[in-house]
Amino acid sequence: MRTHYCGEINADFIDQTVELCGWVNRRRDHGGVIFIDLRDRSGLAQVVYDPDVEDVFATAEQVRNEFVLRIKGRVRARPEGTTNPELSTGEIEILGKELEILNHADTPPFQLDDEDTSEELRLRYRYVDLRRPVMQERMILRSRVTRLLRNYLDDKGFLDISTPMLTKATPEGARDYLVPSRVHAGKFFALPQSPQLFKQLLMMSGMDRYYQIVRCFRDEDLRADRQPEFTQLDLEMSFLDEDQIMGLMEEMIRGVFRDALDIELPDPFPRMSYAEAMRRFGSDRPDLRCSLELVDVADLLQDIDFKVFAGPAKDPHGRVAALRLPGGGKLSRKDIDEYTKFVGIYGARGLAYIKVNELANGVNGLQSPILKFIPDEAVLEIMQRTGAEDGDIVFFGADKAPLVNEALGALRVKLAEDLGLMSDAWQPLWVVDFPMFEWDEATDRWHALHHPFTAPKIEHVELLASDPGACLSRAYDMVLNGTEVGGGSIRIHQEAVQEKVFALLGIDEQEAREKFGFLLDALKFGCPPHGGLAFGLDRLIMLMAGAHSIRDVMAFPKTQSAACPLTQAPSEVTPSQLRELHIRVWVPEKPA
């Protein structure tokens, strides 16, 4: 039906006859001459109709926005002074000779160039929203990136292997989506949170290198970079250590950025331990575009009478940290109150600060409500330790270490964004040397920081019995501009070590056999050393596209309440369907 896409036509086509198909982006009637901007996924082409051919002109008069057209015409140069350098087709226009209306369109629910359209409305009419050039560019980018990933992995000897969508419910950190079985009454499948166990079994099967671009499902609270169903690039490799795996993966990501965006990422990516990341940035996914850092000051405040600081300073699980903001002395009281509310989101009970006016005058050159509670020598040491200078402000966080880390870690990024302190460079990072376990006071037990199949560092295996809290894992996360885009580890490949980890996590032999029996059996039949990782493909595309949410790079996403406005899912099902699945619906009794 067409000879070319709209966006392909340029000055090389002058005097040629072309046939195009697409949607009407805009129709303009200029005193007897009708201009139609015809749009497809490649771009826009301007088509001109004059009254010379009466029947064609009459058809052009009927055209409205979003009509679907087929046109035929001769390419010519635009008149002098009317070119549009912002369009790839901006030097030419097409003198229309034929016009066929393939389909009419009602007035769309929103204008495609209206940036203020609510997300709810855009998702309700997603098929219209996806016509917007920005959305089409994102879908094209996504397709290109997945093709580049596949090409790299195919060239490196990886096999693309599918794993089951209906599988067994296993504890992997989030709630499973359960699927009732009609054939096996009272039993349920689970949709996979990841193909973790299957990809390990593939290594035990001798497949050596596996990958899959796969849908995963997690029933968890949502935010901008989470969805109930999402896409992973899942990988696993045999007979490689973590350095070799990280080297392969960063080579792949560098190539994707180079080929898709013409951006050169650092070679190699820097590496940072989990402990250093938490100490300096309060986060295991630090945004290195922001140079602001946290500084520990608890040792200076343990013996003061100010309990707000002294309590956490003495607590082995507490932290007192300072965050210097260069030039922050200009912040108003209102500004500080707003930032106090911001850290309150993370549980902080306040935001202490010291403004640095004239440091040469000692404490007399400082301004803060807390100065009267802290000895002068401690205050001056804090100023020196943070590198504070005249015109700065120093913020403080004091509480349990996780709370301080989260609150001040988020504050440093917000301050940098608000005050223009973010660099525009891409900042990738490997975070390594994660703890194997974290202690959960609520359940009074150890939990795996990653998952229970992550291997401990070779030299830390003995710590599983003597000091689990000091045991480090062979895990690694790839972070890009403050977003974790991928994470993985070397896996446990020895049955005895896996049993020790299960026991430490409170998974007894019966539960382990019930939930992971097939994996434990496989470990007995010649399991190779192996490891891998999974990339959040949606997150990666979100960053590459400059979008603010993974919903903006998914064709048909759910809302933050895990609903689909387009299809009205989830929805009720009929009683007969429930009976087939052996499900009885409980209805609470009405009070008498």
Protein backbone atom coordinates (compact mmCIF):
# COMPACT_ATOMS: atom_id res chain seq x y z
CA MET A 1 0.00 0.00 0.00
CA ARG A 2 3.00 2.33 0.33
CA THR A 3 6.41 2.79 -1.20
CA HIS A 4 8.08 4.44 1.82
CA TYR A 5 7.63 5.46 5.45
CA CYS A 6 6.78 9.12 6.06
CA GLY A 7 10.01 9.98 7.86
CA GLU A 8 12.20 8.56 5.08
CA ILE A 9 11.36 11.18 2.48
CA ASN A 10 14.05 13.87 2.09
CA ALA A 11 15.63 16.06 -0.59
CA ASP A 12 17.03 12.99 -2.37
CA PHE A 13 13.45 12.13 -3.40
CA ILE A 14 12.66 15.45 -5.14
CA ASP A 15 10.65 14.92 -8.35
CA GLN A 16 9.90 11.28 -7.41
CA THR A 17 6.39 9.95 -6.90
CA VAL A 18 5.81 8.30 -3.51
CA GLU A 19 2.93 6.55 -1.79
CA LEU A 20 2.57 6.89 1.98
CA CYS A 21 0.19 5.64 4.68
CA GLY A 22 -0.38 6.99 8.16
CA TRP A 23 -2.42 9.06 10.58
CA VAL A 24 -3.32 12.72 10.26
CA ASN A 25 -1.23 14.57 12.80
CA ARG A 26 -2.64 17.93 11.76
CA ARG A 27 -4.74 19.42 8.97
CA ARG A 28 -4.48 23.10 8.01
CA ASP A 29 -6.58 24.98 5.48
CA HIS A 30 -4.68 28.01 4.14
CA GLY A 31 -7.08 29.82 1.88
CA GLY A 32 -7.75 27.19 -0.71
CA VAL A 33 -4.62 25.10 -0.08
CA ILE A 34 -4.86 22.22 2.40
CA PHE A 35 -1.80 21.01 4.29
CA ILE A 36 -1.86 17.58 5.92
CA ASP A 37 0.91 16.43 8.24
CA LEU A 38 0.90 12.66 7.80
CA ARG A 39 2.44 10.65 10.63
CA ASP A 40 3.72 7.12 11.07
CA ARG A 41 6.27 5.70 13.48
CA SER A 42 9.17 7.04 11.39
CA GLY A 43 8.09 10.70 11.52
CA LEU A 44 6.03 13.33 9.68
CA ALA A 45 5.64 14.27 6.04
CA GLN A 46 3.86 17.41 4.87
CA VAL A 47 1.37 16.79 2.05
CA VAL A 48 -0.13 19.70 0.06
CA TYR A 49 -3.47 19.57 -1.78
CA ASP A 50 -4.61 22.38 -4.09
CA PRO A 51 -7.99 22.74 -5.86
CA ASP A 52 -6.65 21.68 -9.28
CA VAL A 53 -7.99 18.13 -8.84
CA GLU A 54 -11.47 18.79 -7.50
CA ASP A 55 -12.44 15.32 -6.27
CA VAL A 56 -9.12 14.81 -4.42
CA PHE A 57 -9.37 18.30 -2.90
CA ALA A 58 -12.93 17.58 -1.79
CA THR A 59 -11.72 14.45 -0.01
CA ALA A 60 -8.91 16.44 1.66
CA GLU A 61 -11.54 18.85 3.03
CA GLN A 62 -13.18 15.96 4.88
CA VAL A 63 -9.99 14.91 6.65
CA ARG A 64 -9.63 15.44 10.42
CA ASN A 65 -7.00 14.59 13.05
CA GLU A 66 -6.22 10.88 13.46
CA PHE A 67 -7.95 9.84 10.22
CA VAL A 68 -6.01 7.01 8.57
CA LEU A 69 -4.94 7.91 5.02
CA ARG A 70 -3.17 6.60 1.98
CA ILE A 71 -1.69 9.30 -0.24
CA LYS A 72 0.17 9.47 -3.52
CA GLY A 73 2.09 12.49 -4.72
CA ARG A 74 5.22 14.10 -6.13
CA VAL A 75 8.04 15.21 -3.84
CA ARG A 76 9.16 18.82 -4.23
CA ALA A 77 11.33 21.26 -2.30
CA ARG A 78 9.53 23.48 0.16
CA PRO A 79 9.36 27.16 -0.81
CA GLU A 80 12.20 29.32 0.50
CA GLY A 81 11.66 30.36 4.12
CA THR A 82 9.27 27.52 4.94
CA THR A 83 11.73 24.71 5.66
CA ASN A 84 11.66 23.07 9.10
CA PRO A 85 15.14 22.02 10.32
CA GLU A 86 13.63 20.13 13.28
CA LEU A 87 12.12 17.52 10.94
CA SER A 88 14.05 14.97 8.89
CA THR A 89 11.51 15.76 6.14
CA GLY A 90 11.69 19.50 6.74
CA GLU A 91 13.23 20.38 3.36
CA ILE A 92 10.48 18.83 1.26
CA GLU A 93 6.75 18.53 0.87
CA ILE A 94 4.60 16.24 -1.22
CA LEU A 95 2.18 17.62 -3.79
CA GLY A 96 -0.78 15.30 -3.33
CA LYS A 97 -2.29 13.72 -6.44
CA GLU A 98 -4.35 10.94 -4.85
CA LEU A 99 -5.96 10.57 -1.44
CA GLU A 100 -7.81 7.62 0.10
CA ILE A 101 -9.41 7.74 3.53
CA LEU A 102 -8.77 4.27 4.93
CA ASN A 103 -10.59 4.97 8.17
CA HIS A 104 -12.30 7.80 10.01
CA ALA A 105 -11.58 8.64 13.65
CA ASP A 106 -13.65 10.11 16.45
CA THR A 107 -12.19 13.10 18.25
CA PRO A 108 -9.37 11.59 20.36
CA PRO A 109 -9.78 11.69 24.16
CA PHE A 110 -6.73 13.96 24.40
CA GLN A 111 -4.42 15.83 22.08
CA LEU A 112 -1.22 13.95 21.39
CA ASP A 113 0.90 17.03 22.14
CA ASP A 114 -0.86 17.76 25.47
CA GLU A 115 1.80 17.14 28.14
CA ASP A 116 -0.71 17.70 30.97
CA THR A 117 -2.89 14.69 30.16
CA SER A 118 -3.29 12.52 33.27
CA GLU A 119 -1.60 9.14 33.33
CA GLU A 120 -4.91 7.45 34.13
CA LEU A 121 -6.42 8.82 30.90
CA ARG A 122 -3.34 7.95 28.85
CA LEU A 123 -3.39 4.36 30.13
CA ARG A 124 -7.15 4.09 29.55
CA TYR A 125 -6.59 4.97 25.87
CA ARG A 126 -3.09 3.52 25.62
CA TYR A 127 -3.49 2.76 21.90
CA VAL A 128 -3.84 6.54 21.34
CA ASP A 129 -1.08 7.40 23.81
CA LEU A 130 1.31 5.06 22.00
CA ARG A 131 0.87 7.14 18.83
CA ARG A 132 2.72 10.02 20.46
CA PRO A 133 6.18 10.40 18.88
CA VAL A 134 7.92 10.22 22.27
CA MET A 135 6.24 6.90 23.04
CA GLN A 136 7.03 5.49 19.62
CA GLU A 137 10.66 6.54 20.03
CA ARG A 138 10.78 4.69 23.36
CA MET A 139 9.29 1.53 21.89
CA ILE A 140 11.74 1.68 18.99
CA LEU A 141 14.62 2.18 21.45
CA ARG A 142 13.42 -0.78 23.49
CA SER A 143 13.29 -3.01 20.42
CA ARG A 144 16.74 -1.88 19.33
CA VAL A 145 18.27 -2.48 22.76
CA THR A 146 16.85 -6.00 23.03
CA ARG A 147 18.19 -6.78 19.57
CA LEU A 148 21.67 -5.52 20.55
CA LEU A 149 21.59 -7.56 23.75
CA ARG A 150 20.61 -10.71 21.87
CA ASN A 151 23.30 -10.16 19.25
CA TYR A 152 26.01 -9.75 21.90
CA LEU A 153 24.94 -12.81 23.86
CA ASP A 154 24.55 -14.97 20.75
CA ASP A 155 28.08 -13.99 19.70
CA LYS A 156 29.39 -14.94 23.17
CA GLY A 157 27.96 -18.45 23.01
CA PHE A 158 24.85 -17.98 25.17
CA LEU A 159 21.80 -20.15 24.46
CA ASP A 160 18.32 -18.59 24.51
CA ILE A 161 16.28 -21.10 26.56
CA SER A 162 12.73 -20.66 27.88
CA THR A 163 11.75 -21.66 31.41
CA PRO A 164 8.25 -22.40 32.79
CA MET A 165 5.68 -19.70 33.51
CA LEU A 166 3.65 -22.05 35.72
CA THR A 167 5.90 -23.25 38.50
CA LYS A 168 6.18 -23.92 42.24
CA ALA A 169 5.76 -21.24 44.89
CA THR A 170 9.13 -20.59 46.55
CA PRO A 171 10.21 -17.87 49.01
CA GLU A 172 12.16 -15.28 47.01
CA GLY A 173 11.46 -12.04 48.86
CA ALA A 174 8.03 -10.99 47.52
CA ARG A 175 4.54 -12.46 47.39
CA ASP A 176 3.85 -14.89 44.58
CA TYR A 177 1.00 -14.53 42.11
CA LEU A 178 -0.83 -17.84 42.54
CA VAL A 179 -2.67 -19.72 39.79
CA PRO A 180 -5.24 -22.33 40.88
CA SER A 181 -5.11 -25.72 39.21
CA ARG A 182 -8.36 -27.14 37.80
CA VAL A 183 -6.86 -30.62 37.38
CA HIS A 184 -5.23 -30.81 40.80
CA ALA A 185 -7.95 -29.67 43.19
CA GLY A 186 -6.79 -27.38 45.98
CA LYS A 187 -3.29 -26.95 44.56
CA PHE A 188 -1.71 -23.89 43.00
CA PHE A 189 0.98 -22.94 40.54
CA ALA A 190 2.93 -19.74 41.04
CA LEU A 191 4.01 -17.28 38.37
CA PRO A 192 7.81 -16.96 38.57
CA GLN A 193 9.38 -14.07 40.45
CA SER A 194 12.49 -14.98 38.45
CA PRO A 195 13.79 -18.11 36.69
CA GLN A 196 16.43 -18.45 39.45
CA LEU A 197 16.14 -22.17 40.19
CA PHE A 198 15.60 -23.19 36.58
CA LYS A 199 18.64 -21.33 35.31
CA GLN A 200 20.76 -23.02 37.97
CA LEU A 201 19.35 -26.38 36.84
CA LEU A 202 20.32 -25.46 33.27
CA MET A 203 23.92 -25.03 34.43
CA MET A 204 23.72 -28.45 36.10
CA SER A 205 22.43 -29.74 32.75
CA GLY A 206 25.61 -28.66 30.98
CA MET A 207 24.12 -25.77 28.97
CA ASP A 208 27.14 -23.67 30.01
CA ARG A 209 25.73 -20.24 29.11
CA TYR A 210 22.03 -19.36 29.18
CA TYR A 211 20.01 -16.22 28.64
CA GLN A 212 16.37 -15.32 28.37
CA ILE A 213 14.38 -12.12 27.99
CA VAL A 214 11.61 -13.16 30.33
CA ARG A 215 8.50 -11.88 32.07
CA CYS A 216 8.59 -12.04 35.88
CA PHE A 217 5.84 -11.47 38.43
CA ARG A 218 5.88 -10.09 41.96
CA ASP A 219 2.91 -9.18 44.10
CA GLU A 220 4.49 -6.26 45.95
CA ASP A 221 3.87 -2.62 46.74
CA LEU A 222 4.54 -0.55 43.65
CA ARG A 223 6.55 2.60 42.88
CA ALA A 224 7.93 4.34 39.80
CA ASP A 225 10.41 1.57 38.92
CA ARG A 226 8.25 -1.43 39.91
CA GLN A 227 5.40 -3.28 38.19
CA PRO A 228 3.55 -6.48 39.07
CA GLU A 229 4.85 -7.92 35.79
CA PHE A 230 8.16 -6.83 34.40
CA THR A 231 10.87 -7.96 32.00
CA GLN A 232 14.30 -9.27 32.90
CA LEU A 233 17.33 -10.10 30.87
CA ASP A 234 18.22 -13.25 32.77
CA LEU A 235 21.67 -14.84 32.47
CA GLU A 236 23.67 -17.70 33.95
CA MET A 237 27.19 -18.96 33.24
CA SER A 238 29.31 -21.97 34.27
CA PHE A 239 33.00 -22.08 35.14
CA LEU A 240 33.40 -18.29 35.47
CA ASP A 241 34.17 -16.28 38.58
CA GLU A 242 32.60 -12.94 39.53
CA ASP A 243 35.35 -10.84 37.91
CA GLN A 244 34.86 -12.60 34.58
CA ILE A 245 31.07 -12.30 34.76
CA MET A 246 31.21 -8.60 35.61
CA GLY A 247 33.70 -8.04 32.80
CA LEU A 248 31.40 -9.68 30.24
CA MET A 249 28.33 -7.81 31.44
CA GLU A 250 29.87 -4.35 31.47
CA GLU A 251 31.30 -4.99 28.00
CA MET A 252 27.75 -5.80 26.89
CA ILE A 253 26.25 -2.66 28.47
CA ARG A 254 29.03 -0.45 27.07
CA GLY A 255 28.30 -1.82 23.61
CA VAL A 256 24.55 -1.24 23.94
CA PHE A 257 25.04 2.39 24.99
CA ARG A 258 27.54 2.94 22.20
CA ASP A 259 25.37 1.44 19.47
CA ALA A 260 21.96 2.65 20.67
CA LEU A 261 22.79 6.12 22.04
CA ASP A 262 26.33 6.87 20.76
CA ILE A 263 27.45 7.19 24.40
CA GLU A 264 30.78 5.88 25.68
CA LEU A 265 30.63 4.54 29.24
CA PRO A 266 33.79 4.19 31.37
CA ASP A 267 36.07 1.22 30.82
CA PRO A 268 36.22 -0.43 33.29
CA PHE A 269 33.28 0.43 35.53
CA PRO A 270 34.42 1.49 39.00
CA ARG A 271 33.78 -0.88 41.90
CA MET A 272 32.81 -0.09 45.47
CA SER A 273 32.13 -2.27 48.48
CA TYR A 274 28.68 -2.32 50.04
CA ALA A 275 30.17 -1.03 53.31
CA GLU A 276 31.80 1.95 51.59
CA ALA A 277 28.65 2.78 49.63
CA MET A 278 26.53 2.81 52.79
CA ARG A 279 29.12 4.81 54.73
CA ARG A 280 29.66 7.50 52.09
CA PHE A 281 26.25 7.67 50.41
CA GLY A 282 23.74 5.92 52.68
CA SER A 283 22.67 3.66 49.81
CA ASP A 284 23.75 0.43 48.14
CA ARG A 285 22.86 2.04 44.80
CA PRO A 286 24.58 5.42 45.10
CA ASP A 287 24.09 8.09 42.46
CA LEU A 288 27.65 9.18 41.71
CA ARG A 289 26.47 12.15 39.65
CA CYS A 290 26.07 13.83 43.05
CA SER A 291 29.33 14.54 44.92
CA LEU A 292 27.71 15.13 48.33
CA GLU A 293 28.79 12.57 50.94
CA LEU A 294 27.85 11.48 54.45
CA VAL A 295 30.49 11.79 57.16
CA ASP A 296 30.43 9.84 60.44
CA VAL A 297 30.64 12.00 63.56
CA ALA A 298 29.31 9.66 66.29
CA ASP A 299 32.69 9.35 67.98
CA LEU A 300 32.62 13.10 68.70
CA LEU A 301 29.17 13.06 70.29
CA GLN A 302 29.02 10.03 72.57
CA ASP A 303 29.62 11.89 75.83
CA ILE A 304 27.49 15.00 75.32
CA ASP A 305 24.27 15.71 77.22
CA PHE A 306 22.22 16.07 74.02
CA LYS A 307 20.45 12.67 73.96
CA VAL A 308 19.19 13.14 70.40
CA PHE A 309 22.81 12.69 69.29
CA ALA A 310 24.36 10.86 72.24
CA GLY A 311 21.85 7.99 72.23
CA PRO A 312 22.49 6.86 68.62
CA ALA A 313 26.20 7.64 69.01
CA LYS A 314 26.47 5.08 71.84
CA ASP A 315 24.16 2.53 70.19
CA PRO A 316 26.15 -0.17 68.33
CA HIS A 317 23.32 -0.22 65.78
CA GLY A 318 23.00 3.57 65.63
CA ARG A 319 24.58 6.19 63.44
CA VAL A 320 25.20 9.93 63.61
CA ALA A 321 26.19 11.36 60.24
CA ALA A 322 26.73 14.83 58.80
CA LEU A 323 26.02 15.99 55.25
CA ARG A 324 27.68 19.18 54.03
CA LEU A 325 25.88 21.20 51.36
CA PRO A 326 28.26 23.70 49.69
CA GLY A 327 26.61 27.11 49.43
CA GLY A 328 23.64 25.84 51.43
CA GLY A 329 23.80 28.70 53.90
CA LYS A 330 21.47 30.63 51.62
CA LEU A 331 18.63 28.19 52.34
CA SER A 332 15.73 29.92 54.12
CA ARG A 333 13.98 28.62 57.18
CA LYS A 334 11.10 27.62 54.92
CA ASP A 335 13.48 25.63 52.71
CA ILE A 336 14.88 23.81 55.74
CA ASP A 337 11.37 23.03 56.97
CA GLU A 338 10.53 21.52 53.57
CA TYR A 339 13.63 19.31 53.69
CA THR A 340 12.71 18.31 57.25
CA LYS A 341 9.33 17.14 55.96
CA PHE A 342 11.11 15.27 53.16
CA VAL A 343 13.34 13.22 55.48
CA GLY A 344 10.27 12.57 57.61
CA ILE A 345 8.98 10.40 54.77
CA TYR A 346 11.82 8.02 55.64
CA GLY A 347 11.10 8.05 59.37
CA ALA A 348 13.49 10.80 60.47
CA ARG A 349 12.14 12.71 63.47
CA GLY A 350 13.86 15.96 62.51
CA LEU A 351 16.70 17.53 60.58
CA ALA A 352 19.34 19.30 62.64
CA TYR A 353 21.67 21.72 60.89
CA ILE A 354 24.51 24.20 61.35
CA LYS A 355 24.92 27.18 59.04
CA VAL A 356 28.50 28.29 58.45
CA ASN A 357 28.72 32.08 58.28
CA GLU A 358 32.29 33.02 59.28
CA LEU A 359 34.31 29.97 60.23
CA ALA A 360 37.30 32.15 61.06
CA ASN A 361 35.37 33.31 64.15
CA GLY A 362 35.06 29.75 65.46
CA VAL A 363 31.69 28.73 66.89
CA ASN A 364 30.71 32.41 66.97
CA GLY A 365 30.64 32.30 63.18
CA LEU A 366 28.13 29.45 63.16
CA GLN A 367 24.36 29.52 63.42
CA SER A 368 22.18 26.70 64.74
CA PRO A 369 19.68 25.85 67.49
CA ILE A 370 21.82 22.83 68.48
CA LEU A 371 25.12 24.66 69.11
CA LYS A 372 24.32 25.14 72.81
CA PHE A 373 24.14 21.35 73.27
CA ILE A 374 27.49 20.44 71.68
CA PRO A 375 30.96 21.33 73.03
CA ASP A 376 32.82 23.89 70.95
CA GLU A 377 35.73 21.55 70.23
CA ALA A 378 33.35 18.87 68.89
CA VAL A 379 31.58 21.41 66.68
CA LEU A 380 34.85 22.65 65.21
CA GLU A 381 36.06 19.09 64.62
CA ILE A 382 32.82 18.35 62.74
CA MET A 383 33.40 21.42 60.58
CA GLN A 384 36.93 20.25 59.80
CA ARG A 385 35.90 16.66 59.17
CA THR A 386 33.14 17.64 56.73
CA GLY A 387 35.31 20.25 55.00
CA ALA A 388 32.76 22.98 55.72
CA GLU A 389 33.45 26.49 54.44
CA ASP A 390 31.79 29.88 54.76
CA GLY A 391 28.37 29.90 53.12
CA ASP A 392 27.78 26.16 53.64
CA ILE A 393 25.19 24.32 55.71
CA VAL A 394 25.77 20.98 57.45
CA PHE A 395 22.79 18.70 58.03
CA PHE A 396 22.71 15.89 60.61
CA GLY A 397 20.96 12.55 60.95
CA ALA A 398 20.92 10.57 64.20
CA ASP A 399 19.02 7.32 64.77
CA LYS A 400 19.29 3.64 63.90
CA ALA A 401 21.80 3.26 61.08
CA PRO A 402 19.32 2.03 58.42
CA LEU A 403 17.00 4.99 59.05
CA VAL A 404 19.86 7.53 58.93
CA ASN A 405 21.23 5.97 55.78
CA GLU A 406 17.89 6.02 54.00
CA ALA A 407 16.93 9.55 55.07
CA LEU A 408 20.28 11.28 54.45
CA GLY A 409 20.94 9.13 51.37
CA ALA A 410 17.69 10.40 49.83
CA LEU A 411 18.34 13.95 51.04
CA ARG A 412 21.73 14.18 49.30
CA VAL A 413 20.13 13.28 45.97
CA LYS A 414 17.19 15.65 46.43
CA LEU A 415 19.47 18.54 47.39
CA ALA A 416 21.60 17.90 44.31
CA GLU A 417 18.54 17.78 42.05
CA ASP A 418 16.93 20.88 43.55
CA LEU A 419 20.11 22.99 43.50
CA GLY A 420 21.55 21.87 40.16
CA LEU A 421 24.46 19.92 41.63
CA MET A 422 23.97 16.79 39.50
CA SER A 423 26.49 16.21 36.75
CA ASP A 424 25.14 15.17 33.34
CA ALA A 425 27.65 12.33 32.94
CA TRP A 426 26.59 8.69 32.97
CA GLN A 427 27.90 7.09 36.17
CA PRO A 428 27.92 3.27 36.22
CA LEU A 429 29.18 1.38 39.26
CA TRP A 430 29.58 -2.16 40.52
CA VAL A 431 28.67 -2.59 44.19
CA VAL A 432 30.34 -5.70 45.64
CA ASP A 433 31.09 -7.45 48.95
CA PHE A 434 27.51 -7.49 50.20
CA PRO A 435 26.79 -9.10 53.56
CA MET A 436 25.39 -12.61 53.18
CA PHE A 437 22.73 -12.02 55.82
CA GLU A 438 20.85 -9.30 57.66
CA TRP A 439 19.23 -9.71 61.06
CA ASP A 440 15.49 -9.11 61.16
CA GLU A 441 14.46 -8.00 64.64
CA ALA A 442 10.78 -8.48 63.84
CA THR A 443 11.18 -12.20 63.15
CA ASP A 444 14.30 -12.66 65.33
CA ARG A 445 16.18 -14.51 62.59
CA TRP A 446 18.68 -14.08 59.80
CA HIS A 447 17.49 -13.31 56.27
CA ALA A 448 19.43 -13.61 53.03
CA LEU A 449 20.31 -10.15 51.74
CA HIS A 450 20.02 -11.39 48.15
CA HIS A 451 18.59 -14.92 48.02
CA PRO A 452 19.43 -18.23 49.74
CA PHE A 453 21.39 -19.59 46.76
CA THR A 454 24.07 -16.86 46.89
CA ALA A 455 27.53 -18.22 47.68
CA PRO A 456 29.63 -16.84 50.55
CA LYS A 457 33.13 -15.63 49.85
CA ILE A 458 35.42 -18.65 49.83
CA GLU A 459 37.39 -17.38 52.81
CA HIS A 460 34.15 -16.70 54.74
CA VAL A 461 32.55 -20.16 54.55
CA GLU A 462 33.65 -20.93 58.12
CA LEU A 463 31.86 -17.78 59.33
CA LEU A 464 28.52 -19.40 58.51
CA ALA A 465 28.83 -21.29 61.79
CA SER A 466 30.80 -18.83 63.91
CA ASP A 467 29.78 -15.29 62.86
CA PRO A 468 27.07 -15.06 60.16
CA GLY A 469 26.85 -11.26 60.46
CA ALA A 470 30.48 -10.93 59.32
CA CYS A 471 30.07 -13.27 56.37
CA LEU A 472 30.32 -11.54 52.98
CA SER A 473 28.79 -12.91 49.81
CA ARG A 474 29.97 -13.23 46.22
CA ALA A 475 27.15 -10.93 45.06
CA TYR A 476 27.39 -7.92 42.76
CA ASP A 477 24.97 -5.22 41.63
CA MET A 478 25.31 -2.95 38.61
CA VAL A 479 24.15 0.58 39.43
CA LEU A 480 23.62 3.33 36.89
CA ASN A 481 22.90 6.92 37.95
CA GLY A 482 21.51 5.78 41.29
CA THR A 483 19.33 2.97 39.89
CA GLU A 484 20.09 -0.70 40.30
CA VAL A 485 19.81 -2.06 36.76
CA GLY A 486 21.20 -5.52 37.40
CA GLY A 487 22.18 -7.83 40.20
CA GLY A 488 23.52 -11.32 40.65
CA SER A 489 26.01 -13.56 42.36
CA ILE A 490 28.10 -16.67 42.23
CA ARG A 491 25.77 -19.48 43.33
CA ILE A 492 26.25 -22.21 45.90
CA HIS A 493 27.25 -25.35 44.01
CA GLN A 494 27.99 -27.64 46.96
CA GLU A 495 25.16 -29.42 48.75
CA ALA A 496 26.78 -29.14 52.19
CA VAL A 497 27.12 -25.36 51.94
CA GLN A 498 23.55 -24.99 50.69
CA GLU A 499 22.26 -27.01 53.66
CA LYS A 500 24.24 -24.82 56.08
CA VAL A 501 22.70 -21.66 54.57
CA PHE A 502 19.19 -23.10 54.76
CA ALA A 503 19.73 -24.05 58.40
CA LEU A 504 21.01 -20.56 59.22
CA LEU A 505 17.92 -19.04 57.60
CA GLY A 506 15.65 -21.21 59.72
CA ILE A 507 14.66 -23.46 56.80
CA ASP A 508 14.61 -26.93 58.32
CA GLU A 509 15.26 -30.13 56.41
CA GLN A 510 11.58 -30.83 55.86
CA GLU A 511 10.85 -27.33 54.50
CA ALA A 512 13.98 -27.38 52.36
CA ARG A 513 12.99 -30.74 50.90
CA GLU A 514 9.42 -29.55 50.36
CA LYS A 515 10.34 -26.30 48.58
CA PHE A 516 13.74 -26.98 47.05
CA GLY A 517 14.02 -30.76 46.93
CA PHE A 518 14.57 -30.82 43.18
CA LEU A 519 17.47 -28.36 43.52
CA LEU A 520 19.07 -30.25 46.40
CA ASP A 521 18.78 -33.48 44.42
CA ALA A 522 20.42 -31.84 41.40
CA LEU A 523 23.37 -30.69 43.50
CA LYS A 524 24.24 -34.37 44.08
CA PHE A 525 24.73 -35.16 40.40
CA GLY A 526 27.74 -33.06 39.41
CA CYS A 527 26.98 -29.37 39.77
CA PRO A 528 29.52 -27.00 38.17
CA PRO A 529 30.61 -23.71 39.74
CA HIS A 530 28.25 -21.15 38.24
CA GLY A 531 26.88 -17.67 38.59
CA GLY A 532 24.85 -15.09 36.80
CA LEU A 533 22.68 -12.06 37.14
CA ALA A 534 19.47 -10.48 35.93
CA PHE A 535 19.04 -7.04 34.41
CA GLY A 536 15.81 -5.13 34.89
CA LEU A 537 15.22 -4.41 31.21
CA ASP A 538 12.43 -1.92 31.93
CA ARG A 539 14.66 0.07 34.29
CA LEU A 540 17.54 0.06 31.83
CA ILE A 541 15.33 1.35 29.00
CA MET A 542 13.79 3.94 31.35
CA LEU A 543 17.24 5.39 32.04
CA MET A 544 18.34 5.26 28.41
CA ALA A 545 15.13 6.96 27.27
CA GLY A 546 15.28 9.68 29.94
CA ALA A 547 11.85 8.62 31.23
CA HIS A 548 10.77 8.98 34.86
CA SER A 549 8.90 5.70 35.26
CA ILE A 550 9.14 2.22 33.79
CA ARG A 551 5.47 2.62 32.89
CA ASP A 552 6.62 5.06 30.21
CA VAL A 553 8.72 2.42 28.45
CA MET A 554 6.23 -0.47 28.66
CA ALA A 555 3.56 -0.85 26.00
CA PHE A 556 0.71 -1.81 28.35
CA PRO A 557 1.68 -1.22 32.00
CA LYS A 558 -0.39 -1.37 35.15
CA THR A 559 -1.07 1.63 37.38
CA GLN A 560 0.54 2.05 40.80
CA SER A 561 -2.44 0.18 42.23
CA ALA A 562 -1.64 -2.81 39.96
CA ALA A 563 -4.69 -2.27 37.74
CA CYS A 564 -5.08 -1.93 33.96
CA PRO A 565 -7.40 0.98 33.00
CA LEU A 566 -7.40 -0.22 29.38
CA THR A 567 -8.79 -3.73 29.97
CA GLN A 568 -10.28 -3.07 33.43
CA ALA A 569 -8.19 -5.91 34.87
CA PRO A 570 -8.29 -7.39 37.43
CA SER A 571 -11.95 -8.28 37.09
CA GLU A 572 -14.46 -10.62 38.65
CA VAL A 573 -15.04 -14.11 37.25
CA THR A 574 -18.19 -16.15 37.15
CA PRO A 575 -19.22 -18.56 39.92
CA SER A 576 -18.98 -21.45 37.44
CA GLN A 577 -15.33 -20.62 36.73
CA LEU A 578 -14.61 -20.63 40.45
CA ARG A 579 -16.33 -23.97 40.88
CA GLU A 580 -14.22 -25.47 38.09
CA LEU A 581 -11.14 -24.35 40.01
CA HIS A 582 -12.47 -25.75 43.29
CA ILE A 583 -12.48 -22.27 44.85
CA ARG A 584 -15.12 -21.26 47.35
CA VAL A 585 -15.50 -17.53 47.95
CA TRP A 586 -15.81 -16.48 51.56
CA VAL A 587 -18.35 -13.72 52.13
CA PRO A 588 -18.32 -12.10 55.58
CA GLU A 589 -21.61 -12.24 57.43
CA LYS A 590 -23.51 -9.02 57.85
CA PRO A 591 -23.77 -7.84 61.45
CA ALA A 592 -27.13 -8.50 63.04
